[in-house]
């Protein structure tokens, strides 16, 4: 009997087609505010970013809860990653300046570095930075599925954001992204966030406490994972059917699914 031979060169492993997830996270000084009422006053106060804050003990701050929510999202994506699917996660923060906190990385390879809060709210700068990354095919490959961009904020932008947002939503590859907005607390510029999701099927999420913030992230994570499991991950499912207390209405009142109409084989 002759020897049986195997030539590994004839067999290749197909690299998973990534679904890019961009998180635009507000890490301004107001994110150090405690969520809820589980704290005690100390009688002390500080001045930060031109605003007077009362010093308290106990409770969890917005930035601490946001860290927990992002970690849960990454953990869920890691569990969902299969041979035919991968989540390419990027985190851009804006607090004092816009920065790439986490360069594009497969969820299962991420060693999370906790977010810290401080500074003002340069949203326009963060949007421009994110758009450059999406337009760059070396960063966001053409073979990737249509990205989802999630904006989380608890305040109001302090820079010129209108023109960068218009360019992001109307021009180039970034205009094809699915967009989701999460508002934290009562001081958020909801008009701005509604402009961010305008033209999508997504509602504006709102959280007044830590439990709602965590629940928002879990539902957004669910919508992304459901999309990754669909026959066409370029098709963004409507999440308007989520619990009403978490929603403030759809981006444009449209129902159904947002689909890719690009005639090319790949999304880009």
Protein backbone atom coordinates (compact mmCIF):
# COMPACT_ATOMS: atom_id res chain seq x y z
CA UNK A 1 0.00 0.00 0.00
CA UNK A 2 1.41 3.36 -0.98
CA UNK A 3 1.98 6.16 1.49
CA UNK A 4 -0.92 8.57 1.97
CA UNK A 5 0.11 12.16 1.54
CA UNK A 6 -1.38 15.48 2.65
CA UNK A 7 -0.39 18.79 1.09
CA UNK A 8 -1.33 21.64 3.52
CA UNK A 9 -0.65 24.20 0.79
CA UNK A 10 -3.85 23.08 -0.94
CA UNK A 11 -5.95 23.95 2.07
CA UNK A 12 -6.35 27.48 3.35
CA UNK A 13 -8.13 28.85 6.40
CA UNK A 14 -10.62 31.57 5.50
CA UNK A 15 -10.17 34.63 7.70
CA UNK A 16 -13.40 35.74 9.33
CA UNK A 17 -15.02 38.74 7.68
CA UNK A 18 -15.11 41.46 10.38
CA UNK A 19 -18.07 43.51 11.54
CA UNK A 20 -16.50 46.82 12.68
CA UNK A 21 -17.91 48.40 15.85
CA UNK A 22 -16.83 51.98 16.62
CA UNK A 23 -17.52 53.34 20.12
CA UNK A 24 -17.42 57.13 20.45
CA UNK A 25 -17.36 57.64 24.21
CA UNK A 26 -17.73 60.86 26.17
CA UNK A 27 -15.09 60.87 28.92
CA UNK A 28 -15.42 64.54 29.89
CA UNK A 29 -15.26 65.63 33.52
CA UNK A 30 -19.02 65.27 34.04
CA UNK A 31 -18.64 61.50 33.60
CA UNK A 32 -17.13 61.48 37.12
CA UNK A 33 -20.60 62.30 38.48
CA UNK A 34 -22.21 59.58 40.61
CA UNK A 35 -25.25 57.86 39.11
CA UNK A 36 -28.18 57.26 41.45
CA UNK A 37 -28.51 58.12 45.14
CA UNK A 38 -26.29 55.51 46.81
CA UNK A 39 -23.68 57.91 48.19
CA UNK A 40 -22.95 60.11 51.19
CA UNK A 41 -21.99 63.78 51.13
CA UNK A 42 -18.65 64.84 52.62
CA UNK A 43 -19.27 68.57 52.85
CA UNK A 44 -16.35 69.23 50.51
CA UNK A 45 -16.44 70.65 46.99
CA UNK A 46 -14.03 71.12 44.08
CA UNK A 47 -13.86 73.25 40.94
CA UNK A 48 -13.23 71.27 37.75
CA UNK A 49 -13.62 72.43 34.15
CA UNK A 50 -15.10 75.67 35.42
CA UNK A 51 -17.87 73.91 37.35
CA UNK A 52 -18.34 73.36 41.07
CA UNK A 53 -18.77 69.71 42.13
CA UNK A 54 -19.75 68.30 45.52
CA UNK A 55 -17.40 65.59 46.80
CA UNK A 56 -19.21 62.41 47.90
CA UNK A 57 -18.27 58.94 49.07
CA UNK A 58 -19.76 55.68 47.85
CA UNK A 59 -21.84 55.04 44.77
CA UNK A 60 -20.67 54.44 41.20
CA UNK A 61 -19.72 57.15 38.74
CA UNK A 62 -20.87 57.31 35.15
CA UNK A 63 -17.37 56.48 33.91
CA UNK A 64 -17.20 53.40 36.18
CA UNK A 65 -20.54 52.13 34.87
CA UNK A 66 -19.47 52.88 31.29
CA UNK A 67 -16.32 50.81 31.80
CA UNK A 68 -18.43 47.92 33.06
CA UNK A 69 -20.82 48.23 30.11
CA UNK A 70 -18.02 48.22 27.53
CA UNK A 71 -16.38 45.21 29.19
CA UNK A 72 -19.67 43.31 29.04
CA UNK A 73 -20.03 44.20 25.35
CA UNK A 74 -16.51 42.99 24.54
CA UNK A 75 -17.10 39.79 26.52
CA UNK A 76 -20.33 39.10 24.60
CA UNK A 77 -18.64 39.73 21.25
CA UNK A 78 -15.79 37.41 22.26
CA UNK A 79 -18.25 34.60 23.01
CA UNK A 80 -20.02 35.17 19.70
CA UNK A 81 -16.91 35.15 17.54
CA UNK A 82 -16.86 32.14 15.27
CA UNK A 83 -14.82 31.03 12.26
CA UNK A 84 -17.06 32.98 9.91
CA UNK A 85 -17.53 36.09 12.07
CA UNK A 86 -15.35 38.55 13.97
CA UNK A 87 -16.02 41.85 15.70
CA UNK A 88 -13.45 44.56 15.03
CA UNK A 89 -13.79 46.95 17.97
CA UNK A 90 -12.45 50.52 18.00
CA UNK A 91 -12.86 53.02 20.87
CA UNK A 92 -12.51 56.77 20.35
CA UNK A 93 -12.84 58.94 23.45
CA UNK A 94 -13.47 62.66 23.80
CA UNK A 95 -12.64 64.42 27.04
CA UNK A 96 -10.28 67.40 26.80
CA UNK A 97 -9.19 66.00 23.42
CA UNK A 98 -10.24 63.25 21.03
CA UNK A 99 -8.09 60.12 21.24
CA UNK A 100 -8.01 56.56 19.97
CA UNK A 101 -8.33 54.69 23.27
CA UNK A 102 -8.45 51.32 21.53
CA UNK A 103 -7.14 50.84 17.99
CA UNK A 104 -9.17 48.39 15.85
CA UNK A 105 -8.86 44.95 17.44
CA UNK A 106 -10.67 41.64 17.31
CA UNK A 107 -12.86 41.39 20.42
CA UNK A 108 -11.25 38.17 21.63
CA UNK A 109 -7.79 39.79 21.60
CA UNK A 110 -8.65 42.91 23.62
CA UNK A 111 -7.02 43.59 26.99
CA UNK A 112 -9.25 46.43 28.16
CA UNK A 113 -7.65 49.54 29.62
CA UNK A 114 -10.17 51.34 31.88
CA UNK A 115 -11.45 54.75 30.82
CA UNK A 116 -10.80 57.81 32.97
CA UNK A 117 -12.76 61.06 32.84
CA UNK A 118 -11.68 64.70 32.67
CA UNK A 119 -11.80 67.80 30.49
CA UNK A 120 -14.44 69.29 28.23
CA UNK A 121 -16.46 67.70 25.39
CA UNK A 122 -14.80 68.01 21.94
CA UNK A 123 -17.32 65.90 20.00
CA UNK A 124 -16.57 67.49 16.63
CA UNK A 125 -12.91 66.49 16.94
CA UNK A 126 -13.93 62.92 17.82
CA UNK A 127 -16.24 62.67 14.82
CA UNK A 128 -13.51 63.88 12.47
CA UNK A 129 -11.05 61.35 13.93
CA UNK A 130 -13.55 58.51 13.57
CA UNK A 131 -14.39 59.46 9.99
CA UNK A 132 -10.70 59.40 9.03
CA UNK A 133 -10.43 55.86 10.40
CA UNK A 134 -13.52 54.68 8.53
CA UNK A 135 -12.41 56.24 5.25
CA UNK A 136 -8.95 54.66 5.56
CA UNK A 137 -9.14 51.21 3.94
CA UNK A 138 -6.00 50.15 5.82
CA UNK A 139 -7.92 50.69 9.08
CA UNK A 140 -11.43 49.68 7.99
CA UNK A 141 -10.95 47.11 5.21
CA UNK A 142 -13.20 46.99 2.17
CA UNK A 143 -13.94 43.34 2.88
CA UNK A 144 -15.52 44.24 6.23
CA UNK A 145 -19.26 44.39 6.80
CA UNK A 146 -20.97 47.74 7.19
CA UNK A 147 -19.75 49.29 10.47
CA UNK A 148 -21.93 50.29 13.39
CA UNK A 149 -20.99 53.53 15.19
CA UNK A 150 -22.22 54.00 18.77
CA UNK A 151 -22.09 57.48 20.32
CA UNK A 152 -22.40 57.81 24.12
CA UNK A 153 -22.57 61.23 25.78
CA UNK A 154 -23.75 62.83 29.02
CA UNK A 155 -23.26 66.47 28.03
CA UNK A 156 -23.08 69.11 25.34
CA UNK A 157 -20.26 69.53 22.78
CA UNK A 158 -17.98 72.49 23.41
CA UNK A 159 -16.52 72.62 19.89
CA UNK A 160 -17.89 73.03 16.36
CA UNK A 161 -19.59 69.67 15.72
CA UNK A 162 -22.29 70.49 13.14
CA UNK A 163 -20.07 70.44 10.02
CA UNK A 164 -18.13 67.29 11.04
CA UNK A 165 -21.41 65.50 11.79
CA UNK A 166 -22.91 66.53 8.43
CA UNK A 167 -19.83 65.24 6.62
CA UNK A 168 -19.89 62.02 8.64
CA UNK A 169 -23.55 61.24 7.89
CA UNK A 170 -23.69 62.47 4.30
CA UNK A 171 -20.29 61.92 2.65
CA UNK A 172 -18.07 58.95 1.84
CA UNK A 173 -17.94 55.54 3.49
CA UNK A 174 -18.99 56.87 6.90
CA UNK A 175 -22.41 57.79 5.45
CA UNK A 176 -23.06 54.05 4.97
CA UNK A 177 -22.52 53.20 8.65
CA UNK A 178 -25.32 52.23 11.00
CA UNK A 179 -25.49 54.77 13.87
CA UNK A 180 -26.74 54.42 17.45
CA UNK A 181 -26.83 57.12 20.17
CA UNK A 182 -26.98 56.69 23.95
CA UNK A 183 -27.78 59.66 26.21
CA UNK A 184 -26.76 59.60 29.89
CA UNK A 185 -28.51 61.85 32.41
CA UNK A 186 -30.67 64.93 31.99
CA UNK A 187 -28.01 67.38 30.78
CA UNK A 188 -27.32 65.66 27.46
CA UNK A 189 -27.77 67.54 24.20
CA UNK A 190 -30.53 65.30 22.87
CA UNK A 191 -31.08 67.47 19.78
CA UNK A 192 -27.49 66.74 18.75
CA UNK A 193 -27.88 63.02 19.42
CA UNK A 194 -31.09 62.92 17.38
CA UNK A 195 -29.18 64.45 14.45
CA UNK A 196 -26.59 61.71 14.86
CA UNK A 197 -29.20 58.94 14.40
CA UNK A 198 -31.34 60.81 11.84
CA UNK A 199 -31.77 58.75 8.69
CA UNK A 200 -31.30 55.44 10.52
CA UNK A 201 -33.89 53.07 11.95
CA UNK A 202 -32.52 53.46 15.45
CA UNK A 203 -34.17 55.29 18.36
CA UNK A 204 -32.35 57.52 20.80
CA UNK A 205 -31.59 55.60 23.98
CA UNK A 206 -31.68 57.42 27.32
CA UNK A 207 -30.40 56.37 30.75
CA UNK A 208 -31.00 58.20 34.00
CA UNK A 209 -29.28 55.67 36.25
CA UNK A 210 -26.65 52.94 36.25
CA UNK A 211 -29.11 50.09 35.70
CA UNK A 212 -30.55 51.77 32.60
CA UNK A 213 -27.06 52.45 31.19
CA UNK A 214 -26.06 48.81 31.56
CA UNK A 215 -29.37 47.68 30.06
CA UNK A 216 -28.92 50.04 27.11
CA UNK A 217 -25.51 48.61 26.32
CA UNK A 218 -26.82 45.05 26.63
CA UNK A 219 -29.60 45.75 24.14
CA UNK A 220 -27.27 47.50 21.72
CA UNK A 221 -24.88 44.56 22.03
CA UNK A 222 -27.80 42.21 21.34
CA UNK A 223 -28.72 44.11 18.18
CA UNK A 224 -25.13 43.88 16.88
CA UNK A 225 -24.82 40.16 17.65
CA UNK A 226 -28.21 39.43 16.04
CA UNK A 227 -27.01 41.26 12.96
CA UNK A 228 -23.77 39.22 12.92
CA UNK A 229 -25.81 36.00 12.94
CA UNK A 230 -28.12 37.02 10.10
CA UNK A 231 -27.80 35.80 6.51
CA UNK A 232 -26.63 39.28 5.51
CA UNK A 233 -24.73 41.07 8.32
CA UNK A 234 -24.74 44.21 6.16
CA UNK A 235 -28.44 44.45 6.93
CA UNK A 236 -29.02 46.34 10.17
CA UNK A 237 -32.05 45.08 12.12
CA UNK A 238 -34.52 47.57 13.54
CA UNK A 239 -34.20 47.91 17.32
CA UNK A 240 -37.30 50.08 17.68
CA UNK A 241 -39.09 47.18 19.38
CA UNK A 242 -36.93 47.41 22.51
CA UNK A 243 -38.43 48.40 25.88
CA UNK A 244 -40.20 51.76 25.57
CA UNK A 245 -38.79 53.30 28.83
CA UNK A 246 -35.31 53.16 27.27
CA UNK A 247 -36.34 54.95 24.08
CA UNK A 248 -37.09 58.51 23.03
CA UNK A 249 -38.37 57.81 19.53
CA UNK A 250 -36.77 56.68 16.27
CA UNK A 251 -34.18 58.62 14.38
CA UNK A 252 -36.56 59.31 11.50
CA UNK A 253 -39.72 57.41 12.25
CA UNK A 254 -38.98 54.69 9.72
CA UNK A 255 -39.57 51.02 10.56
CA UNK A 256 -38.16 47.85 9.06
CA UNK A 257 -34.54 47.13 8.19
CA UNK A 258 -31.76 49.20 6.72
CA UNK A 259 -30.09 47.32 3.89
CA UNK A 260 -27.02 47.66 1.75
CA UNK A 261 -27.91 48.67 -1.81
CA UNK A 262 -24.33 48.92 -3.03
CA UNK A 263 -24.09 46.81 -6.22
CA UNK A 264 -20.50 45.77 -5.42
CA UNK A 265 -19.82 42.34 -4.00
CA UNK A 266 -18.35 43.83 -0.80
CA UNK A 267 -20.01 46.60 1.20
CA UNK A 268 -17.43 49.24 0.36
